[in-house]
Amino acid sequence: MTRGFSHLGICVADLDRSLRFYCEGLGFEEVAAHEVGPEFGGLMELDDLRLSSRMIHSNGVTVELLGYGSPAVQGEPVRRPMNQLGLTHLSFRVDDLEAVAARIGELGGQVVTSTRTTLDLGGTALDFVYCTDPDGVRIELMDLGG
């Protein structure tokens, strides 16, 4: 049995940019910083490991941003399709969807305006839009009207 959820890790291309994005754009706070070396290479299945880790926290959720010095990061910074196996998105409840989406754009993310969806649920407007962080991680913003 597990004792509880610990954190979610995200590999980033630019640690400072991502730290600013998540803290200033989504309200996270940096709670710890670690320098990681070859001692974790076996666990992470990487040779010549060197990375900087920043733990950020908001509303009971902890995210670890991983900035690799060695080996270099892999992959393209693109939004994954929602039907691709694996993690699809991070979702955040917000009070002002327009303001948060604008801030995401200012901090290097992308607002996917074509995904904007507003629904009426018994007189309550539910408002959604997908965005991405600077590395293409899909982020859902949800304003649930209350």
N, C-alpha and C. Protein backbone atom coordinates (compact mmCIF):
# COMPACT_ATOMS: atom_id res chain seq x y z
N MET A 1 0.83 -1.20 0.00
CA MET A 1 0.00 0.00 0.00
C MET A 1 0.86 1.25 0.00
N THR A 2 0.41 2.25 -0.69
CA THR A 2 1.15 3.51 -0.68
C THR A 2 0.73 4.34 0.53
N ARG A 3 1.55 5.28 0.89
CA ARG A 3 1.27 6.17 2.02
C ARG A 3 0.72 7.50 1.54
N GLY A 4 0.68 7.72 0.24
CA GLY A 4 0.17 8.97 -0.31
C GLY A 4 0.97 9.40 -1.51
N PHE A 5 0.41 10.33 -2.24
CA PHE A 5 1.06 10.87 -3.43
C PHE A 5 2.18 11.80 -3.00
N SER A 6 3.35 11.70 -3.63
CA SER A 6 4.49 12.54 -3.29
C SER A 6 4.57 13.75 -4.21
N HIS A 7 4.83 13.52 -5.49
CA HIS A 7 5.00 14.64 -6.41
C HIS A 7 4.94 14.14 -7.85
N LEU A 8 4.88 15.08 -8.77
CA LEU A 8 4.89 14.83 -10.20
C LEU A 8 6.14 15.51 -10.76
N GLY A 9 6.91 14.81 -11.59
CA GLY A 9 8.13 15.38 -12.15
C GLY A 9 7.93 15.82 -13.59
N ILE A 10 8.52 16.96 -13.95
CA ILE A 10 8.46 17.47 -15.32
C ILE A 10 9.88 17.84 -15.76
N CYS A 11 10.33 17.23 -16.85
CA CYS A 11 11.62 17.57 -17.46
C CYS A 11 11.44 18.87 -18.23
N VAL A 12 12.33 19.83 -18.00
CA VAL A 12 12.20 21.15 -18.63
C VAL A 12 13.49 21.51 -19.36
N ALA A 13 13.34 22.33 -20.40
CA ALA A 13 14.51 22.75 -21.19
C ALA A 13 15.28 23.88 -20.51
N ASP A 14 14.56 24.75 -19.80
CA ASP A 14 15.16 25.92 -19.15
C ASP A 14 14.55 26.03 -17.76
N LEU A 15 15.31 25.62 -16.76
CA LEU A 15 14.80 25.54 -15.39
C LEU A 15 14.32 26.90 -14.88
N ASP A 16 15.09 27.96 -15.10
CA ASP A 16 14.69 29.28 -14.61
C ASP A 16 13.39 29.73 -15.26
N ARG A 17 13.25 29.53 -16.57
CA ARG A 17 12.04 29.92 -17.28
C ARG A 17 10.83 29.15 -16.75
N SER A 18 10.98 27.86 -16.54
CA SER A 18 9.87 27.04 -16.06
C SER A 18 9.51 27.37 -14.62
N LEU A 19 10.51 27.64 -13.80
CA LEU A 19 10.26 28.03 -12.42
C LEU A 19 9.44 29.32 -12.39
N ARG A 20 9.82 30.28 -13.20
CA ARG A 20 9.07 31.54 -13.28
C ARG A 20 7.66 31.28 -13.80
N PHE A 21 7.52 30.44 -14.83
CA PHE A 21 6.21 30.14 -15.41
C PHE A 21 5.26 29.57 -14.36
N TYR A 22 5.70 28.53 -13.66
CA TYR A 22 4.82 27.86 -12.70
C TYR A 22 4.57 28.71 -11.45
N CYS A 23 5.57 29.44 -11.01
CA CYS A 23 5.39 30.26 -9.80
C CYS A 23 4.60 31.54 -10.09
N GLU A 24 5.00 32.29 -11.10
CA GLU A 24 4.32 33.55 -11.39
C GLU A 24 3.02 33.36 -12.17
N GLY A 25 2.94 32.31 -12.97
CA GLY A 25 1.76 32.10 -13.79
C GLY A 25 0.68 31.26 -13.13
N LEU A 26 1.08 30.28 -12.32
CA LEU A 26 0.10 29.36 -11.74
C LEU A 26 0.10 29.34 -10.22
N GLY A 27 0.89 30.21 -9.61
CA GLY A 27 0.83 30.36 -8.16
C GLY A 27 1.59 29.36 -7.32
N PHE A 28 2.53 28.64 -7.93
CA PHE A 28 3.35 27.71 -7.15
C PHE A 28 4.41 28.49 -6.38
N GLU A 29 4.95 27.85 -5.36
CA GLU A 29 6.02 28.43 -4.55
C GLU A 29 7.16 27.42 -4.48
N GLU A 30 8.39 27.88 -4.69
CA GLU A 30 9.54 26.99 -4.58
C GLU A 30 9.73 26.60 -3.13
N VAL A 31 9.84 25.29 -2.87
CA VAL A 31 9.98 24.81 -1.50
C VAL A 31 11.29 24.07 -1.25
N ALA A 32 11.99 23.66 -2.33
CA ALA A 32 13.27 22.97 -2.15
C ALA A 32 14.04 22.99 -3.46
N ALA A 33 15.37 22.92 -3.33
CA ALA A 33 16.25 22.87 -4.49
C ALA A 33 17.31 21.80 -4.23
N HIS A 34 17.60 21.00 -5.25
CA HIS A 34 18.57 19.91 -5.11
C HIS A 34 19.45 19.84 -6.35
N GLU A 35 20.71 19.51 -6.13
CA GLU A 35 21.62 19.19 -7.22
C GLU A 35 21.80 17.68 -7.19
N VAL A 36 21.57 17.04 -8.32
CA VAL A 36 21.58 15.58 -8.40
C VAL A 36 22.70 15.14 -9.33
N GLY A 37 23.42 14.13 -8.89
CA GLY A 37 24.54 13.63 -9.69
C GLY A 37 24.46 12.14 -9.94
N PRO A 38 25.60 11.53 -10.26
CA PRO A 38 25.65 10.12 -10.65
C PRO A 38 25.09 9.14 -9.61
N GLU A 39 25.01 9.57 -8.35
CA GLU A 39 24.48 8.68 -7.32
C GLU A 39 23.04 8.25 -7.61
N PHE A 40 22.31 9.02 -8.43
CA PHE A 40 20.95 8.67 -8.80
C PHE A 40 20.86 8.14 -10.23
N GLY A 41 21.99 7.98 -10.91
CA GLY A 41 22.01 7.50 -12.29
C GLY A 41 21.33 6.16 -12.47
N GLY A 42 21.59 5.23 -11.56
CA GLY A 42 20.96 3.91 -11.66
C GLY A 42 19.45 3.99 -11.52
N LEU A 43 18.98 4.74 -10.56
CA LEU A 43 17.54 4.90 -10.35
C LEU A 43 16.88 5.52 -11.58
N MET A 44 17.52 6.53 -12.13
CA MET A 44 16.93 7.27 -13.24
C MET A 44 17.29 6.68 -14.61
N GLU A 45 18.12 5.62 -14.60
CA GLU A 45 18.53 4.93 -15.82
C GLU A 45 19.22 5.86 -16.81
N LEU A 46 20.10 6.73 -16.28
CA LEU A 46 20.84 7.69 -17.09
C LEU A 46 22.31 7.67 -16.69
N ASP A 47 23.19 7.65 -17.69
CA ASP A 47 24.63 7.71 -17.45
C ASP A 47 25.05 9.17 -17.32
N ASP A 48 26.13 9.39 -16.58
CA ASP A 48 26.71 10.73 -16.42
C ASP A 48 25.67 11.77 -16.00
N LEU A 49 24.83 11.41 -15.05
CA LEU A 49 23.72 12.25 -14.63
C LEU A 49 24.19 13.50 -13.89
N ARG A 50 23.64 14.62 -14.29
CA ARG A 50 23.84 15.89 -13.60
C ARG A 50 22.60 16.73 -13.87
N LEU A 51 21.87 17.06 -12.81
CA LEU A 51 20.67 17.86 -13.00
C LEU A 51 20.38 18.70 -11.77
N SER A 52 19.61 19.75 -12.01
CA SER A 52 19.12 20.61 -10.94
C SER A 52 17.64 20.35 -10.80
N SER A 53 17.20 20.16 -9.56
CA SER A 53 15.80 19.89 -9.27
C SER A 53 15.23 21.03 -8.44
N ARG A 54 14.03 21.47 -8.79
CA ARG A 54 13.33 22.48 -8.00
C ARG A 54 11.95 21.92 -7.65
N MET A 55 11.68 21.82 -6.36
CA MET A 55 10.37 21.37 -5.89
C MET A 55 9.50 22.60 -5.70
N ILE A 56 8.32 22.58 -6.32
CA ILE A 56 7.37 23.69 -6.19
C ILE A 56 6.06 23.13 -5.66
N HIS A 57 5.33 23.96 -4.93
CA HIS A 57 4.13 23.47 -4.24
C HIS A 57 3.01 24.50 -4.33
N SER A 58 1.78 24.00 -4.50
CA SER A 58 0.60 24.84 -4.47
C SER A 58 -0.62 24.00 -4.15
N ASN A 59 -1.40 24.44 -3.20
CA ASN A 59 -2.69 23.80 -2.88
C ASN A 59 -2.60 22.29 -2.73
N GLY A 60 -1.60 21.82 -2.01
CA GLY A 60 -1.48 20.39 -1.74
C GLY A 60 -0.80 19.58 -2.84
N VAL A 61 -0.36 20.23 -3.91
CA VAL A 61 0.28 19.53 -5.02
C VAL A 61 1.75 19.96 -5.11
N THR A 62 2.64 18.97 -5.22
CA THR A 62 4.06 19.24 -5.38
C THR A 62 4.51 18.76 -6.76
N VAL A 63 5.22 19.63 -7.45
CA VAL A 63 5.78 19.32 -8.77
C VAL A 63 7.29 19.49 -8.67
N GLU A 64 8.02 18.56 -9.28
CA GLU A 64 9.47 18.65 -9.35
C GLU A 64 9.85 19.03 -10.78
N LEU A 65 10.48 20.18 -10.93
CA LEU A 65 11.00 20.61 -12.23
C LEU A 65 12.43 20.12 -12.34
N LEU A 66 12.74 19.40 -13.41
CA LEU A 66 14.05 18.77 -13.59
C LEU A 66 14.78 19.43 -14.76
N GLY A 67 15.86 20.13 -14.44
CA GLY A 67 16.68 20.78 -15.45
C GLY A 67 17.98 20.01 -15.63
N TYR A 68 18.13 19.32 -16.74
CA TYR A 68 19.27 18.45 -16.98
C TYR A 68 20.48 19.20 -17.52
N GLY A 69 21.63 18.97 -16.89
CA GLY A 69 22.91 19.43 -17.42
C GLY A 69 23.51 18.32 -18.27
N SER A 70 23.31 17.06 -17.81
CA SER A 70 23.81 15.90 -18.53
C SER A 70 23.00 14.68 -18.10
N PRO A 71 22.59 13.85 -19.00
CA PRO A 71 22.60 14.04 -20.44
C PRO A 71 21.61 15.12 -20.87
N ALA A 72 21.72 15.55 -22.11
CA ALA A 72 20.84 16.60 -22.63
C ALA A 72 19.40 16.12 -22.68
N VAL A 73 18.47 17.05 -22.60
CA VAL A 73 17.05 16.70 -22.70
C VAL A 73 16.76 16.18 -24.10
N GLN A 74 15.71 15.36 -24.20
CA GLN A 74 15.31 14.78 -25.48
C GLN A 74 13.86 15.14 -25.77
N GLY A 75 13.49 15.09 -27.02
CA GLY A 75 12.11 15.30 -27.41
C GLY A 75 11.85 16.72 -27.88
N GLU A 76 10.67 16.90 -28.43
CA GLU A 76 10.25 18.19 -28.95
C GLU A 76 9.25 18.84 -27.99
N PRO A 77 9.29 20.14 -27.85
CA PRO A 77 8.36 20.84 -26.96
C PRO A 77 6.99 21.05 -27.61
N VAL A 78 6.26 19.93 -27.79
CA VAL A 78 4.95 19.99 -28.44
C VAL A 78 3.87 19.39 -27.53
N ARG A 79 2.67 19.89 -27.70
CA ARG A 79 1.51 19.41 -26.96
C ARG A 79 1.18 17.98 -27.39
N ARG A 80 1.06 17.08 -26.43
CA ARG A 80 0.73 15.68 -26.72
C ARG A 80 -0.77 15.55 -27.03
N PRO A 81 -1.14 14.67 -27.96
CA PRO A 81 -2.56 14.42 -28.19
C PRO A 81 -3.21 13.84 -26.93
N MET A 82 -4.45 14.19 -26.70
CA MET A 82 -5.15 13.72 -25.51
C MET A 82 -5.36 12.20 -25.50
N ASN A 83 -5.33 11.58 -26.67
CA ASN A 83 -5.54 10.13 -26.73
C ASN A 83 -4.23 9.35 -26.82
N GLN A 84 -3.09 10.01 -26.55
CA GLN A 84 -1.81 9.32 -26.51
C GLN A 84 -1.62 8.72 -25.13
N LEU A 85 -1.20 7.47 -25.08
CA LEU A 85 -1.01 6.80 -23.79
C LEU A 85 -0.07 7.60 -22.90
N GLY A 86 -0.34 7.57 -21.63
CA GLY A 86 0.49 8.26 -20.66
C GLY A 86 -0.18 9.53 -20.15
N LEU A 87 0.58 10.31 -19.44
CA LEU A 87 0.07 11.54 -18.85
C LEU A 87 -0.43 12.48 -19.94
N THR A 88 -1.66 12.97 -19.80
CA THR A 88 -2.23 13.82 -20.85
C THR A 88 -2.18 15.31 -20.52
N HIS A 89 -2.38 15.68 -19.26
CA HIS A 89 -2.42 17.11 -18.94
C HIS A 89 -2.41 17.34 -17.44
N LEU A 90 -2.11 18.59 -17.07
CA LEU A 90 -2.26 19.08 -15.71
C LEU A 90 -3.50 19.97 -15.73
N SER A 91 -4.28 19.97 -14.67
CA SER A 91 -5.52 20.75 -14.65
C SER A 91 -5.55 21.62 -13.40
N PHE A 92 -5.92 22.90 -13.61
CA PHE A 92 -5.97 23.86 -12.51
C PHE A 92 -7.30 24.59 -12.51
N ARG A 93 -7.91 24.67 -11.34
CA ARG A 93 -9.10 25.51 -11.17
C ARG A 93 -8.64 26.94 -10.97
N VAL A 94 -9.29 27.86 -11.67
CA VAL A 94 -8.93 29.27 -11.58
C VAL A 94 -10.19 30.10 -11.37
N ASP A 95 -10.02 31.31 -10.82
CA ASP A 95 -11.14 32.22 -10.62
C ASP A 95 -11.34 33.15 -11.81
N ASP A 96 -10.27 33.41 -12.56
CA ASP A 96 -10.34 34.32 -13.70
C ASP A 96 -9.56 33.71 -14.85
N LEU A 97 -10.27 32.93 -15.67
CA LEU A 97 -9.63 32.20 -16.75
C LEU A 97 -8.90 33.13 -17.71
N GLU A 98 -9.51 34.24 -18.06
CA GLU A 98 -8.89 35.18 -19.00
C GLU A 98 -7.55 35.71 -18.47
N ALA A 99 -7.52 36.09 -17.20
CA ALA A 99 -6.31 36.66 -16.60
C ALA A 99 -5.19 35.61 -16.51
N VAL A 100 -5.54 34.40 -16.09
CA VAL A 100 -4.51 33.36 -15.97
C VAL A 100 -3.99 32.97 -17.35
N ALA A 101 -4.89 32.83 -18.32
CA ALA A 101 -4.47 32.49 -19.69
C ALA A 101 -3.54 33.57 -20.25
N ALA A 102 -3.87 34.83 -20.02
CA ALA A 102 -3.02 35.92 -20.51
C ALA A 102 -1.65 35.85 -19.86
N ARG A 103 -1.60 35.58 -18.57
CA ARG A 103 -0.32 35.50 -17.87
C ARG A 103 0.51 34.34 -18.39
N ILE A 104 -0.13 33.21 -18.69
CA ILE A 104 0.56 32.06 -19.25
C ILE A 104 1.24 32.45 -20.57
N GLY A 105 0.52 33.18 -21.40
CA GLY A 105 1.11 33.65 -22.67
C GLY A 105 2.29 34.57 -22.46
N GLU A 106 2.21 35.44 -21.46
CA GLU A 106 3.31 36.37 -21.17
C GLU A 106 4.56 35.65 -20.67
N LEU A 107 4.38 34.49 -20.04
CA LEU A 107 5.50 33.77 -19.42
C LEU A 107 6.07 32.65 -20.30
N GLY A 108 5.73 32.66 -21.59
CA GLY A 108 6.33 31.69 -22.51
C GLY A 108 5.49 30.49 -22.82
N GLY A 109 4.29 30.41 -22.25
CA GLY A 109 3.38 29.32 -22.59
C GLY A 109 2.56 29.70 -23.81
N GLN A 110 1.66 28.82 -24.18
CA GLN A 110 0.78 29.07 -25.32
C GLN A 110 -0.65 28.79 -24.90
N VAL A 111 -1.56 29.68 -25.28
CA VAL A 111 -2.99 29.47 -25.06
C VAL A 111 -3.55 28.92 -26.36
N VAL A 112 -4.19 27.77 -26.30
CA VAL A 112 -4.76 27.14 -27.49
C VAL A 112 -6.22 27.60 -27.57
N THR A 113 -6.41 28.77 -28.17
CA THR A 113 -7.73 29.42 -28.16
C THR A 113 -8.81 28.57 -28.80
N SER A 114 -8.45 27.69 -29.74
CA SER A 114 -9.46 26.85 -30.40
C SER A 114 -10.09 25.83 -29.45
N THR A 115 -9.48 25.63 -28.26
CA THR A 115 -10.04 24.66 -27.30
C THR A 115 -11.00 25.31 -26.31
N ARG A 116 -11.16 26.61 -26.36
CA ARG A 116 -12.02 27.32 -25.40
C ARG A 116 -13.43 26.74 -25.46
N THR A 117 -13.93 26.30 -24.33
CA THR A 117 -15.25 25.67 -24.24
C THR A 117 -15.98 26.23 -23.03
N THR A 118 -17.19 26.72 -23.27
CA THR A 118 -18.04 27.22 -22.18
C THR A 118 -19.34 26.43 -22.21
N LEU A 119 -19.71 25.91 -21.04
CA LEU A 119 -20.93 25.12 -20.91
C LEU A 119 -21.81 25.74 -19.83
N ASP A 120 -23.11 25.58 -19.98
CA ASP A 120 -24.05 26.03 -18.96
C ASP A 120 -24.54 24.81 -18.20
N LEU A 121 -24.31 24.79 -16.91
CA LEU A 121 -24.75 23.68 -16.07
C LEU A 121 -25.73 24.22 -15.05
N GLY A 122 -26.99 24.17 -15.39
CA GLY A 122 -28.04 24.65 -14.48
C GLY A 122 -27.89 26.11 -14.11
N GLY A 123 -27.53 26.95 -15.06
CA GLY A 123 -27.37 28.37 -14.80
C GLY A 123 -25.98 28.78 -14.36
N THR A 124 -25.07 27.84 -14.21
CA THR A 124 -23.69 28.14 -13.85
C THR A 124 -22.81 27.95 -15.08
N ALA A 125 -22.07 28.98 -15.45
CA ALA A 125 -21.18 28.88 -16.61
C ALA A 125 -19.89 28.17 -16.21
N LEU A 126 -19.54 27.13 -16.94
CA LEU A 126 -18.29 26.41 -16.76
C LEU A 126 -17.41 26.78 -17.94
N ASP A 127 -16.19 27.22 -17.68
CA ASP A 127 -15.33 27.75 -18.72
C ASP A 127 -14.00 27.00 -18.69
N PHE A 128 -13.56 26.52 -19.86
CA PHE A 128 -12.34 25.72 -19.97
C PHE A 128 -11.50 26.21 -21.14
N VAL A 129 -10.18 26.06 -21.03
CA VAL A 129 -9.28 26.26 -22.16
C VAL A 129 -8.00 25.47 -21.89
N TYR A 130 -7.41 24.96 -22.96
CA TYR A 130 -6.12 24.31 -22.85
C TYR A 130 -5.02 25.31 -23.19
N CYS A 131 -3.91 25.15 -22.49
CA CYS A 131 -2.71 25.95 -22.70
C CYS A 131 -1.54 24.97 -22.69
N THR A 132 -0.34 25.49 -22.87
CA THR A 132 0.84 24.66 -22.65
C THR A 132 1.84 25.47 -21.84
N ASP A 133 2.72 24.74 -21.16
CA ASP A 133 3.85 25.42 -20.52
C ASP A 133 4.90 25.66 -21.61
N PRO A 134 6.03 26.29 -21.31
CA PRO A 134 7.02 26.58 -22.35
C PRO A 134 7.60 25.35 -23.05
N ASP A 135 7.45 24.16 -22.45
CA ASP A 135 7.97 22.93 -23.05
C ASP A 135 6.89 22.06 -23.67
N GLY A 136 5.68 22.59 -23.82
CA GLY A 136 4.62 21.86 -24.50
C GLY A 136 3.74 21.00 -23.60
N VAL A 137 3.95 21.02 -22.28
CA VAL A 137 3.10 20.25 -21.37
C VAL A 137 1.71 20.87 -21.39
N ARG A 138 0.69 20.04 -21.66
CA ARG A 138 -0.69 20.52 -21.76
C ARG A 138 -1.21 20.88 -20.36
N ILE A 139 -1.81 22.07 -20.27
CA ILE A 139 -2.39 22.55 -19.01
C ILE A 139 -3.83 22.95 -19.27
N GLU A 140 -4.73 22.42 -18.49
CA GLU A 140 -6.14 22.79 -18.58
C GLU A 140 -6.45 23.83 -17.51
N LEU A 141 -7.06 24.92 -17.91
CA LEU A 141 -7.57 25.90 -16.97
C LEU A 141 -9.08 25.73 -16.90
N MET A 142 -9.62 25.69 -15.68
CA MET A 142 -11.04 25.48 -15.47
C MET A 142 -11.60 26.55 -14.54
N ASP A 143 -12.59 27.28 -14.99
CA ASP A 143 -13.32 28.20 -14.14
C ASP A 143 -14.70 27.59 -13.97
N LEU A 144 -14.96 27.04 -12.78
CA LEU A 144 -16.19 26.32 -12.52
C LEU A 144 -17.28 27.20 -11.91
N GLY A 145 -17.11 28.50 -12.05
CA GLY A 145 -18.14 29.45 -11.65
C GLY A 145 -18.43 29.51 -10.18
N GLY A 146 -17.49 29.26 -9.36
CA GLY A 146 -17.77 29.40 -7.94
C GLY A 146 -16.76 28.84 -7.12
